Structure formats: C-alpha cells, structure tokens
Amino acid sequence: MTFKYSLAAVTLGALTLSACAPGMYGTGDPAYERDKTRNGALAGAVLGAAAGVAVGDDEEERRRGAAIGALVGAGAGAAIGAQLDRQEAELRAQLDANGTQIVNTGDSLVVTMPQNILFATDSYAVRADLQDDLRAVASSLQRYPNSVVDVVGHTDNTGEAAYNQQLSQRRAQAVASVLTRSGVAGSRVRVIGRGEDQPIASNLTPDGRAQNRRVEIIIRPTQ
C-alpha cells in the first residue's frame, strides 16, 4: 500500500512540474529549455515506473521493476526532450514563411502555417513558392526518423460546416502530399481535417478568422 501511494505521489509531482514549467519562463529562456528536457525525463520516469510495476508478481518485485523502469524511462524521456529542442532550433533556422509558428510542448513539435501563406482563397493547392518550406520540414523529418506526424487542417466558421470540413481535409492532404513526395514515408503521416471545430481565436473578427484558417504539422517522437 505504501508503495502504491509513493508511485501516485511521484506521478502527481511530475505532472505538476510539467504543467507549471511553461508558465514560469519565456520560451526563449534557458531555464525553460532545461525544464522541457527535465519534464521529459520526469514523464518518462513515471511511465517507466508504471510499466515496471505491471511486470511484478509481488510487492518486492514491483518495487524493483518500478525503480528500473523509472531509470530507463527517465533516460528515454530526456533524450526525446533533447531531440525536440534540436529539431525545433533547426526548423526555426530553415523556415522562411512569414507567420509560421513553432511550439515545442516538451513531447511534440507543433508547426503552424496560416492558410494565407499556403493557399489561395478557397483553394487547396499549395502555393509553389511555399513548397520549399514544406520540403524543409520534410528534410527535418528524414533527419529525425523516429517520429510520427499528424497534418491537421482547420478553417474559420464562414460558410457551411460540411464544406469547411471537406476543405480542411483537402488542405491537410495537400500539405501531407508535399511531405511524402519529398521523401517522408507515408506510414508516418496521418491526415486530419478539423473544419471549423477547433478555433484558436474569435471568428467574430477578420484577424481571428485568419488565425483559425491554418494547417498544423504535429511531430511526435516515438522513441
């Protein structure tokens, strides 16, 4: 019973630290960058400990399994955090498109490209002059092959919801096609259309609607 409570306390503590770190520092602060790697290690330790518990037949075996799992998981989590930091820095240096945003969550990279820099109005053909940026993303994905990618299309709420859903899916597919034609394995890429369902700004203003029209490339390390 004591061991179960201890594991629960470690889990809660790790989640609390992970949740608090981004708010404590600016994203360019070295302390924030260290926290992302630390939180990756903490999350890995918790998952490793939980896996170690699952393989034990009695409390002593579960205790040993948790300790070993925590060490292995911490190392893996820290490695993922460090990989994301490197990949983020490289992408920031390579992407030229105005308005492109890169957010490192600690366990994934979210590359957000506004619709107006990728597509003409009401179109799902990627602009030729923007394909170089997508090819740069593809090159990054090839340099870091241990990841999967979600390409997610979003629209504002102008027009019919069904049409917006279809348009968001087609735009996500167009971006994914550039990535795969540039050498990224199709098995790593999932295409998702969210339509108008996940706004990040108010649809009541032109600026808000512009922010909502976007494609996100979400990169998640697998090991």
Protein backbone atom coordinates (compact mmCIF):
# COMPACT_ATOMS: atom_id res chain seq x y z
CA MET A 1 0.00 0.00 0.00
CA THR A 2 2.84 2.39 0.88
CA PHE A 3 4.49 1.69 -2.45
CA LYS A 4 1.30 2.45 -4.37
CA TYR A 5 0.94 5.76 -2.56
CA SER A 6 4.59 6.61 -3.32
CA LEU A 7 4.15 5.93 -7.02
CA ALA A 8 1.00 8.04 -7.08
CA ALA A 9 2.87 10.88 -5.38
CA VAL A 10 5.69 10.74 -7.92
CA THR A 11 3.17 10.76 -10.77
CA LEU A 12 1.32 13.75 -9.35
CA GLY A 13 4.55 15.63 -8.72
CA ALA A 14 5.83 15.03 -12.25
CA LEU A 15 2.57 16.13 -13.82
CA THR A 16 2.50 19.24 -11.65
CA LEU A 17 6.03 20.21 -12.64
CA SER A 18 5.29 19.57 -16.30
CA ALA A 19 2.19 21.74 -16.17
CA CYS A 20 3.88 24.61 -14.37
CA ALA A 21 7.13 24.98 -16.31
CA PRO A 22 5.93 26.77 -19.49
CA GLY A 23 4.22 29.44 -17.43
CA MET A 24 7.28 30.15 -15.31
CA TYR A 25 9.62 31.25 -18.08
CA GLY A 26 9.50 32.70 -21.58
CA THR A 27 10.04 30.17 -24.35
CA GLY A 28 13.48 31.59 -25.11
CA ASP A 29 14.67 31.46 -21.51
CA PRO A 30 17.46 28.87 -20.94
CA ALA A 31 15.68 27.79 -17.76
CA TYR A 32 12.58 26.98 -19.78
CA GLU A 33 14.64 24.93 -22.23
CA ARG A 34 16.16 22.98 -19.34
CA ASP A 35 12.70 22.42 -17.90
CA LYS A 36 11.47 20.87 -21.16
CA THR A 37 14.23 18.26 -21.01
CA ARG A 38 13.68 17.77 -17.26
CA ASN A 39 9.94 17.32 -17.71
CA GLY A 40 10.56 14.79 -20.46
CA ALA A 41 12.73 12.85 -18.04
CA LEU A 42 10.09 13.10 -15.30
CA ALA A 43 7.31 11.93 -17.58
CA GLY A 44 9.49 9.07 -18.83
CA ALA A 45 10.34 8.08 -15.27
CA VAL A 46 6.67 7.92 -14.28
CA LEU A 47 5.72 5.85 -17.33
CA GLY A 48 8.72 3.58 -16.82
CA ALA A 49 7.89 3.08 -13.17
CA ALA A 50 4.30 2.23 -14.01
CA ALA A 51 5.46 -0.30 -16.59
CA GLY A 52 7.86 -1.81 -14.05
CA VAL A 53 5.06 -2.22 -11.52
CA ALA A 54 2.97 -4.09 -14.06
CA VAL A 55 5.51 -6.89 -14.52
CA GLY A 56 5.98 -7.76 -10.82
CA ASP A 57 4.16 -10.62 -9.06
CA ASP A 58 4.69 -9.36 -5.52
CA GLU A 59 5.43 -6.02 -3.85
CA GLU A 60 9.20 -6.52 -3.77
CA GLU A 61 9.34 -7.40 -7.48
CA ARG A 62 7.10 -4.45 -8.31
CA ARG A 63 9.36 -2.16 -6.30
CA ARG A 64 12.45 -3.33 -8.19
CA GLY A 65 10.61 -3.17 -11.51
CA ALA A 66 9.47 0.37 -10.81
CA ALA A 67 12.99 1.51 -9.94
CA ILE A 68 14.48 0.00 -13.10
CA GLY A 69 11.61 1.27 -15.23
CA ALA A 70 11.95 4.77 -13.82
CA LEU A 71 15.65 4.91 -14.68
CA VAL A 72 15.12 3.64 -18.22
CA GLY A 73 12.09 5.86 -18.74
CA ALA A 74 13.86 8.95 -17.44
CA GLY A 75 16.71 8.46 -19.89
CA ALA A 76 14.32 7.95 -22.80
CA GLY A 77 12.22 10.98 -21.83
CA ALA A 78 15.27 13.23 -21.54
CA ALA A 79 16.52 12.02 -24.93
CA ILE A 80 13.18 12.86 -26.55
CA GLY A 81 13.20 16.32 -24.97
CA ALA A 82 16.73 16.98 -26.23
CA GLN A 83 15.82 15.73 -29.72
CA LEU A 84 12.83 18.06 -29.89
CA ASP A 85 14.98 21.01 -28.79
CA ARG A 86 17.47 20.31 -31.59
CA GLN A 87 14.80 19.80 -34.21
CA GLU A 88 12.97 22.95 -33.13
CA ALA A 89 16.15 25.06 -33.43
CA GLU A 90 16.88 23.67 -36.89
CA LEU A 91 13.35 24.30 -38.15
CA ARG A 92 13.38 27.88 -36.86
CA ALA A 93 16.59 28.49 -38.82
CA GLN A 94 15.25 26.92 -42.02
CA LEU A 95 11.66 28.14 -42.34
CA ASP A 96 11.26 31.46 -44.10
CA ALA A 97 7.48 31.83 -44.31
CA ASN A 98 6.07 34.86 -42.52
CA GLY A 99 3.58 33.84 -39.87
CA THR A 100 4.79 30.27 -39.38
CA GLN A 101 4.84 29.34 -35.69
CA ILE A 102 6.72 26.53 -33.96
CA VAL A 103 5.72 25.44 -30.47
CA ASN A 104 7.70 22.85 -28.51
CA THR A 105 5.33 21.28 -25.99
CA GLY A 106 8.01 19.06 -24.46
CA ASP A 107 6.66 15.90 -26.08
CA SER A 108 5.86 17.20 -29.58
CA LEU A 109 6.57 19.99 -32.03
CA VAL A 110 3.62 21.88 -33.49
CA VAL A 111 4.43 23.73 -36.71
CA THR A 112 1.51 26.01 -37.60
CA MET A 113 1.23 27.58 -41.04
CA PRO A 114 -1.54 30.10 -41.70
CA GLN A 115 -3.79 29.35 -44.66
CA ASN A 116 -2.94 32.58 -46.44
CA ILE A 117 0.74 31.64 -46.81
CA LEU A 118 -0.07 28.14 -48.09
CA PHE A 119 -3.18 28.51 -50.25
CA ALA A 120 -5.06 30.99 -52.37
CA THR A 121 -8.56 31.82 -51.14
CA ASP A 122 -10.91 28.83 -51.37
CA SER A 123 -8.12 26.68 -52.84
CA TYR A 124 -6.39 23.54 -51.59
CA ALA A 125 -3.42 23.67 -53.97
CA VAL A 126 -0.25 24.53 -52.04
CA ARG A 127 1.40 27.68 -53.41
CA ALA A 128 4.55 26.83 -55.36
CA ASP A 129 6.63 29.44 -53.53
CA LEU A 130 5.74 27.90 -50.16
CA GLN A 131 6.64 24.34 -51.03
CA ASP A 132 10.30 24.99 -50.19
CA ASP A 133 9.30 25.48 -46.54
CA LEU A 134 7.38 22.22 -46.56
CA ARG A 135 10.34 20.48 -48.16
CA ALA A 136 12.49 21.86 -45.33
CA VAL A 137 10.08 20.26 -42.86
CA ALA A 138 10.29 17.01 -44.84
CA SER A 139 14.11 17.10 -44.68
CA SER A 140 13.90 17.59 -40.92
CA LEU A 141 11.56 14.62 -40.60
CA GLN A 142 14.01 12.49 -42.54
CA ARG A 143 16.88 13.55 -40.28
CA TYR A 144 14.77 12.60 -37.26
CA PRO A 145 13.04 9.42 -38.46
CA ASN A 146 11.79 8.23 -35.05
CA SER A 147 8.57 10.21 -35.09
CA VAL A 148 5.06 10.22 -36.46
CA VAL A 149 3.32 13.23 -37.97
CA ASP A 150 -0.25 14.50 -37.87
CA VAL A 151 -1.12 17.03 -40.56
CA VAL A 152 -4.26 18.81 -39.35
CA GLY A 153 -6.32 21.27 -41.40
CA HIS A 154 -8.50 23.97 -39.83
CA THR A 155 -10.87 26.63 -41.18
CA ASP A 156 -12.88 29.52 -39.79
CA ASN A 157 -16.66 29.25 -39.50
CA THR A 158 -17.51 31.17 -42.68
CA GLY A 159 -19.78 29.11 -44.91
CA GLU A 160 -21.27 25.67 -44.43
CA ALA A 161 -19.70 23.42 -41.81
CA ALA A 162 -19.69 20.42 -44.16
CA TYR A 163 -17.85 22.40 -46.84
CA ASN A 164 -15.32 23.66 -44.28
CA GLN A 165 -14.70 20.12 -43.09
CA GLN A 166 -14.02 18.96 -46.63
CA LEU A 167 -11.78 21.94 -47.38
CA SER A 168 -9.73 21.40 -44.21
CA GLN A 169 -9.25 17.72 -45.09
CA ARG A 170 -8.15 18.54 -48.64
CA ARG A 171 -5.71 21.20 -47.45
CA ALA A 172 -4.20 18.84 -44.89
CA GLN A 173 -3.90 16.18 -47.60
CA ALA A 174 -2.19 18.65 -49.95
CA VAL A 175 0.41 19.52 -47.30
CA ALA A 176 0.92 15.83 -46.44
CA SER A 177 1.41 15.05 -50.13
CA VAL A 178 4.25 17.58 -50.37
CA LEU A 179 5.89 15.93 -47.35
CA THR A 180 5.60 12.41 -48.76
CA ARG A 181 6.72 13.47 -52.27
CA SER A 182 9.75 14.98 -50.54
CA GLY A 183 10.74 11.64 -49.04
CA VAL A 184 8.76 11.22 -45.79
CA ALA A 185 7.34 7.71 -45.51
CA GLY A 186 3.57 7.74 -45.89
CA SER A 187 3.26 5.32 -42.98
CA ARG A 188 4.48 8.09 -40.64
CA VAL A 189 1.90 10.65 -41.77
CA ARG A 190 -1.75 10.91 -40.73
CA VAL A 191 -4.10 13.44 -42.36
CA ILE A 192 -6.87 15.02 -40.29
CA GLY A 193 -9.47 17.63 -41.21
CA ARG A 194 -10.97 19.51 -38.27
CA GLY A 195 -13.05 22.00 -40.24
CA GLU A 196 -14.22 24.85 -38.02
CA ASP A 197 -14.31 22.76 -34.82
CA GLN A 198 -11.04 23.87 -33.17
CA PRO A 199 -10.68 27.67 -33.39
CA ILE A 200 -7.73 29.31 -31.65
CA ALA A 201 -9.19 32.83 -31.92
CA SER A 202 -12.58 34.51 -32.21
CA ASN A 203 -14.41 34.05 -35.50
CA LEU A 204 -16.11 37.41 -34.92
CA THR A 205 -13.18 39.44 -36.30
CA PRO A 206 -11.22 39.25 -39.58
CA ASP A 207 -7.95 38.78 -37.66
CA GLY A 208 -9.42 35.97 -35.59
CA ARG A 209 -10.78 34.19 -38.64
CA ALA A 210 -7.38 34.49 -40.32
CA GLN A 211 -5.73 32.80 -37.32
CA ASN A 212 -8.24 29.96 -37.43
CA ARG A 213 -7.51 29.19 -41.09
CA ARG A 214 -4.35 27.15 -40.70
CA VAL A 215 -2.57 23.81 -41.13
CA GLU A 216 -0.71 22.26 -38.21
CA ILE A 217 2.12 19.76 -38.61
CA ILE A 218 2.40 17.93 -35.30
CA ILE A 219 5.60 15.93 -34.85
CA ARG A 220 5.58 13.30 -32.09
CA PRO A 221 8.74 11.30 -31.32
CA THR A 222 8.18 7.57 -30.97
CA GLN A 223 11.36 6.82 -29.01
